[in-house]
Amino acid sequence: MLDKIILNRINSMSVLELRELKSHIDSLLPPAVVYQQKPAKCGCKRCKEGGPGHGSYWYAYFTYQNKTYCVYVGKEKREIDPLKELEKKKKRGGKK
């Protein structure tokens, strides 16, 4: 629970101060992740001809530094650390 002194200070802040505080807090927190299941399309004939695709596979979507990213999670849903997954994706040379 937040200390009453801290809450009183927050309540007395101007809109500009609150926005600065929010920006600072956002920089400390990892991005929120939304998971979605969807089929994947590959380069096979069936997919190229408008077929339903393969799967259903899990993907994680999150926004970081004003960009939205999509990261493949796999056949089974698992919780991810979005910034670690983004770093792995960049090392592999994947799309942002």
N, C-alpha and C. Protein backbone atom coordinates (compact mmCIF):
# COMPACT_ATOMS: atom_id res chain seq x y z
N MET A 1 0.85 -1.19 0.00
CA MET A 1 0.00 0.00 0.00
C MET A 1 0.89 1.24 0.00
N LEU A 2 0.50 2.22 -0.74
CA LEU A 2 1.28 3.44 -0.81
C LEU A 2 1.19 4.22 0.50
N ASP A 3 2.29 4.81 0.85
CA ASP A 3 2.38 5.66 2.03
C ASP A 3 1.46 6.87 1.86
N LYS A 4 0.82 7.31 2.94
CA LYS A 4 -0.09 8.46 2.87
C LYS A 4 0.63 9.73 2.42
N ILE A 5 1.89 9.88 2.81
CA ILE A 5 2.67 11.05 2.41
C ILE A 5 2.83 11.07 0.89
N ILE A 6 3.12 9.91 0.32
CA ILE A 6 3.28 9.81 -1.13
C ILE A 6 1.96 10.13 -1.82
N LEU A 7 0.86 9.55 -1.33
CA LEU A 7 -0.45 9.80 -1.93
C LEU A 7 -0.83 11.27 -1.84
N ASN A 8 -0.56 11.89 -0.72
CA ASN A 8 -0.86 13.32 -0.59
C ASN A 8 -0.05 14.14 -1.58
N ARG A 9 1.21 13.79 -1.75
CA ARG A 9 2.06 14.51 -2.71
C ARG A 9 1.55 14.32 -4.14
N ILE A 10 1.16 13.11 -4.49
CA ILE A 10 0.62 12.85 -5.83
C ILE A 10 -0.66 13.64 -6.04
N ASN A 11 -1.53 13.67 -5.04
CA ASN A 11 -2.80 14.39 -5.16
C ASN A 11 -2.60 15.89 -5.32
N SER A 12 -1.48 16.41 -4.86
CA SER A 12 -1.24 17.84 -4.97
C SER A 12 -0.47 18.23 -6.24
N MET A 13 -0.13 17.26 -7.07
CA MET A 13 0.65 17.55 -8.28
C MET A 13 -0.20 18.19 -9.37
N SER A 14 0.47 18.99 -10.19
CA SER A 14 -0.19 19.58 -11.36
C SER A 14 -0.29 18.51 -12.46
N VAL A 15 -1.05 18.80 -13.48
CA VAL A 15 -1.20 17.87 -14.60
C VAL A 15 0.17 17.60 -15.24
N LEU A 16 0.96 18.62 -15.42
CA LEU A 16 2.29 18.45 -16.02
C LEU A 16 3.17 17.54 -15.15
N GLU A 17 3.14 17.75 -13.84
CA GLU A 17 3.93 16.89 -12.94
C GLU A 17 3.43 15.44 -12.98
N LEU A 18 2.11 15.27 -13.04
CA LEU A 18 1.55 13.92 -13.12
C LEU A 18 1.96 13.22 -14.41
N ARG A 19 1.96 13.97 -15.52
CA ARG A 19 2.39 13.37 -16.80
C ARG A 19 3.86 12.97 -16.75
N GLU A 20 4.70 13.81 -16.13
CA GLU A 20 6.11 13.47 -15.98
C GLU A 20 6.29 12.23 -15.11
N LEU A 21 5.51 12.15 -14.04
CA LEU A 21 5.57 10.99 -13.16
C LEU A 21 5.13 9.73 -13.90
N LYS A 22 4.05 9.84 -14.65
CA LYS A 22 3.55 8.69 -15.43
C LYS A 22 4.60 8.23 -16.44
N SER A 23 5.23 9.17 -17.11
CA SER A 23 6.27 8.83 -18.08
C SER A 23 7.41 8.09 -17.39
N HIS A 24 7.79 8.56 -16.22
CA HIS A 24 8.87 7.90 -15.48
C HIS A 24 8.46 6.49 -15.05
N ILE A 25 7.25 6.35 -14.54
CA ILE A 25 6.76 5.03 -14.11
C ILE A 25 6.69 4.09 -15.31
N ASP A 26 6.18 4.58 -16.45
CA ASP A 26 6.10 3.76 -17.66
C ASP A 26 7.47 3.26 -18.09
N SER A 27 8.51 4.10 -17.90
CA SER A 27 9.86 3.68 -18.28
C SER A 27 10.40 2.58 -17.37
N LEU A 28 9.85 2.46 -16.17
CA LEU A 28 10.30 1.44 -15.23
C LEU A 28 9.58 0.11 -15.39
N LEU A 29 8.36 0.15 -15.94
CA LEU A 29 7.53 -1.05 -16.05
C LEU A 29 7.72 -1.73 -17.41
N PRO A 30 7.68 -3.06 -17.44
CA PRO A 30 7.71 -3.73 -18.74
C PRO A 30 6.40 -3.48 -19.47
N PRO A 31 6.41 -3.57 -20.80
CA PRO A 31 5.17 -3.35 -21.56
C PRO A 31 4.11 -4.40 -21.23
N ALA A 32 2.86 -4.01 -21.31
CA ALA A 32 1.75 -4.95 -21.16
C ALA A 32 1.68 -5.82 -22.42
N VAL A 33 1.38 -7.08 -22.24
CA VAL A 33 1.35 -8.03 -23.35
C VAL A 33 -0.08 -8.53 -23.56
N VAL A 34 -0.50 -8.58 -24.83
CA VAL A 34 -1.78 -9.15 -25.21
C VAL A 34 -1.48 -10.38 -26.05
N TYR A 35 -2.07 -11.51 -25.69
CA TYR A 35 -1.85 -12.77 -26.41
C TYR A 35 -3.02 -13.03 -27.34
N GLN A 36 -2.68 -13.52 -28.54
CA GLN A 36 -3.72 -13.83 -29.51
C GLN A 36 -3.33 -15.10 -30.25
N GLN A 37 -4.32 -15.92 -30.52
CA GLN A 37 -4.11 -17.15 -31.27
C GLN A 37 -4.60 -16.92 -32.69
N LYS A 38 -3.78 -17.30 -33.69
CA LYS A 38 -4.19 -17.12 -35.08
C LYS A 38 -3.45 -18.13 -35.95
N PRO A 39 -4.01 -18.42 -37.13
CA PRO A 39 -3.32 -19.32 -38.05
C PRO A 39 -2.13 -18.61 -38.69
N ALA A 40 -1.15 -19.39 -39.12
CA ALA A 40 0.03 -18.84 -39.79
C ALA A 40 -0.03 -19.22 -41.27
N LYS A 41 0.40 -18.32 -42.11
CA LYS A 41 0.47 -18.58 -43.56
C LYS A 41 1.93 -18.75 -43.94
N CYS A 42 2.21 -19.76 -44.74
CA CYS A 42 3.57 -19.97 -45.21
C CYS A 42 3.58 -19.81 -46.74
N GLY A 43 4.60 -20.30 -47.37
CA GLY A 43 4.69 -20.16 -48.82
C GLY A 43 4.18 -21.35 -49.61
N CYS A 44 3.51 -22.29 -48.93
CA CYS A 44 3.03 -23.48 -49.64
C CYS A 44 1.88 -23.11 -50.59
N LYS A 45 1.60 -24.00 -51.50
CA LYS A 45 0.57 -23.75 -52.52
C LYS A 45 -0.79 -23.45 -51.89
N ARG A 46 -1.17 -24.23 -50.88
CA ARG A 46 -2.47 -24.05 -50.23
C ARG A 46 -2.59 -22.66 -49.60
N CYS A 47 -1.53 -22.21 -48.93
CA CYS A 47 -1.57 -20.89 -48.30
C CYS A 47 -1.59 -19.78 -49.35
N LYS A 48 -0.81 -19.96 -50.41
CA LYS A 48 -0.75 -18.94 -51.46
C LYS A 48 -2.09 -18.79 -52.18
N GLU A 49 -2.85 -19.87 -52.23
CA GLU A 49 -4.14 -19.84 -52.92
C GLU A 49 -5.29 -19.44 -51.99
N GLY A 50 -4.97 -18.87 -50.85
CA GLY A 50 -6.01 -18.37 -49.95
C GLY A 50 -6.54 -19.39 -48.96
N GLY A 51 -5.80 -20.46 -48.74
CA GLY A 51 -6.22 -21.46 -47.77
C GLY A 51 -6.22 -20.91 -46.35
N PRO A 52 -6.70 -21.73 -45.41
CA PRO A 52 -6.85 -21.25 -44.04
C PRO A 52 -5.54 -21.08 -43.27
N GLY A 53 -4.45 -21.60 -43.78
CA GLY A 53 -3.18 -21.51 -43.06
C GLY A 53 -2.99 -22.71 -42.15
N HIS A 54 -1.95 -22.65 -41.37
CA HIS A 54 -1.59 -23.75 -40.47
C HIS A 54 -1.77 -23.29 -39.03
N GLY A 55 -1.95 -24.26 -38.16
CA GLY A 55 -1.97 -23.88 -36.75
C GLY A 55 -3.39 -23.75 -36.26
N SER A 56 -3.41 -23.30 -35.20
CA SER A 56 -3.43 -21.99 -34.59
C SER A 56 -2.17 -21.86 -33.72
N TYR A 57 -1.52 -20.73 -33.80
CA TYR A 57 -0.32 -20.45 -33.04
C TYR A 57 -0.53 -19.21 -32.19
N TRP A 58 0.19 -19.16 -31.08
CA TRP A 58 0.09 -18.03 -30.17
C TRP A 58 1.09 -16.94 -30.55
N TYR A 59 0.63 -15.71 -30.49
CA TYR A 59 1.47 -14.54 -30.73
C TYR A 59 1.26 -13.57 -29.58
N ALA A 60 2.32 -12.83 -29.26
CA ALA A 60 2.25 -11.81 -28.20
C ALA A 60 2.40 -10.45 -28.86
N TYR A 61 1.52 -9.54 -28.52
CA TYR A 61 1.57 -8.17 -29.03
C TYR A 61 1.83 -7.22 -27.86
N PHE A 62 2.72 -6.26 -28.08
CA PHE A 62 2.98 -5.26 -27.07
C PHE A 62 3.53 -4.00 -27.73
N THR A 63 3.39 -2.89 -27.04
CA THR A 63 3.88 -1.61 -27.54
C THR A 63 5.07 -1.20 -26.69
N TYR A 64 6.16 -0.83 -27.38
CA TYR A 64 7.38 -0.41 -26.71
C TYR A 64 7.96 0.75 -27.49
N GLN A 65 8.22 1.84 -26.82
CA GLN A 65 8.76 3.06 -27.43
C GLN A 65 7.91 3.48 -28.65
N ASN A 66 6.61 3.51 -28.44
CA ASN A 66 5.63 3.94 -29.43
C ASN A 66 5.57 3.07 -30.69
N LYS A 67 6.06 1.85 -30.61
CA LYS A 67 5.95 0.90 -31.73
C LYS A 67 5.27 -0.36 -31.21
N THR A 68 4.40 -0.93 -32.03
CA THR A 68 3.73 -2.17 -31.66
C THR A 68 4.48 -3.34 -32.29
N TYR A 69 4.77 -4.34 -31.48
CA TYR A 69 5.52 -5.51 -31.92
C TYR A 69 4.65 -6.75 -31.79
N CYS A 70 4.94 -7.71 -32.66
CA CYS A 70 4.30 -9.02 -32.62
C CYS A 70 5.41 -10.05 -32.51
N VAL A 71 5.32 -10.92 -31.50
CA VAL A 71 6.33 -11.95 -31.28
C VAL A 71 5.64 -13.31 -31.30
N TYR A 72 6.20 -14.24 -32.07
CA TYR A 72 5.69 -15.61 -32.12
C TYR A 72 5.97 -16.27 -30.78
N VAL A 73 4.94 -16.90 -30.19
CA VAL A 73 5.07 -17.57 -28.90
C VAL A 73 5.17 -19.08 -29.09
N GLY A 74 4.34 -19.65 -29.97
CA GLY A 74 4.40 -21.08 -30.23
C GLY A 74 3.03 -21.72 -30.24
N LYS A 75 3.04 -23.03 -30.34
CA LYS A 75 1.80 -23.80 -30.37
C LYS A 75 1.10 -23.74 -29.01
N GLU A 76 1.90 -23.73 -27.94
CA GLU A 76 1.36 -23.64 -26.58
C GLU A 76 1.57 -22.22 -26.06
N LYS A 77 0.58 -21.71 -25.38
CA LYS A 77 0.69 -20.37 -24.80
C LYS A 77 1.64 -20.41 -23.61
N ARG A 78 2.53 -19.43 -23.54
CA ARG A 78 3.42 -19.27 -22.39
C ARG A 78 3.60 -17.79 -22.15
N GLU A 79 3.83 -17.42 -20.91
CA GLU A 79 4.08 -16.03 -20.58
C GLU A 79 5.47 -15.66 -21.06
N ILE A 80 5.63 -14.48 -21.62
CA ILE A 80 6.93 -14.05 -22.12
C ILE A 80 7.35 -12.75 -21.44
N ASP A 81 8.65 -12.50 -21.46
CA ASP A 81 9.19 -11.20 -21.10
C ASP A 81 9.34 -10.46 -22.42
N PRO A 82 8.50 -9.48 -22.70
CA PRO A 82 8.48 -8.86 -24.03
C PRO A 82 9.80 -8.26 -24.45
N LEU A 83 10.53 -7.64 -23.54
CA LEU A 83 11.79 -7.01 -23.93
C LEU A 83 12.88 -8.04 -24.23
N LYS A 84 12.90 -9.16 -23.50
CA LYS A 84 13.85 -10.23 -23.82
C LYS A 84 13.53 -10.84 -25.18
N GLU A 85 12.26 -11.08 -25.45
CA GLU A 85 11.85 -11.65 -26.74
C GLU A 85 12.17 -10.70 -27.88
N LEU A 86 11.98 -9.41 -27.66
CA LEU A 86 12.29 -8.41 -28.69
C LEU A 86 13.79 -8.40 -28.98
N GLU A 87 14.60 -8.50 -27.94
CA GLU A 87 16.06 -8.54 -28.12
C GLU A 87 16.47 -9.78 -28.91
N LYS A 88 15.87 -10.94 -28.59
CA LYS A 88 16.16 -12.17 -29.34
C LYS A 88 15.77 -12.01 -30.81
N LYS A 89 14.61 -11.40 -31.05
CA LYS A 89 14.12 -11.21 -32.40
C LYS A 89 15.06 -10.31 -33.19
N LYS A 90 15.56 -9.25 -32.56
CA LYS A 90 16.48 -8.33 -33.24
C LYS A 90 17.80 -9.03 -33.56
N LYS A 91 18.29 -9.89 -32.65
CA LYS A 91 19.54 -10.63 -32.88
C LYS A 91 19.41 -11.59 -34.06
N ARG A 92 18.20 -12.17 -34.22
CA ARG A 92 17.95 -13.08 -35.34
C ARG A 92 17.76 -12.34 -36.65
N GLY A 93 17.58 -11.03 -36.55
CA GLY A 93 17.35 -10.25 -37.78
C GLY A 93 15.90 -10.25 -38.21
N GLY A 94 14.99 -10.54 -37.29
CA GLY A 94 13.57 -10.57 -37.62
C GLY A 94 12.99 -9.19 -37.75
N LYS A 95 11.78 -9.14 -38.32
CA LYS A 95 11.07 -7.87 -38.45
C LYS A 95 10.76 -7.30 -37.09
N LYS A 96 10.66 -5.97 -37.02
CA LYS A 96 10.32 -5.31 -35.75
C LYS A 96 8.87 -5.37 -35.48
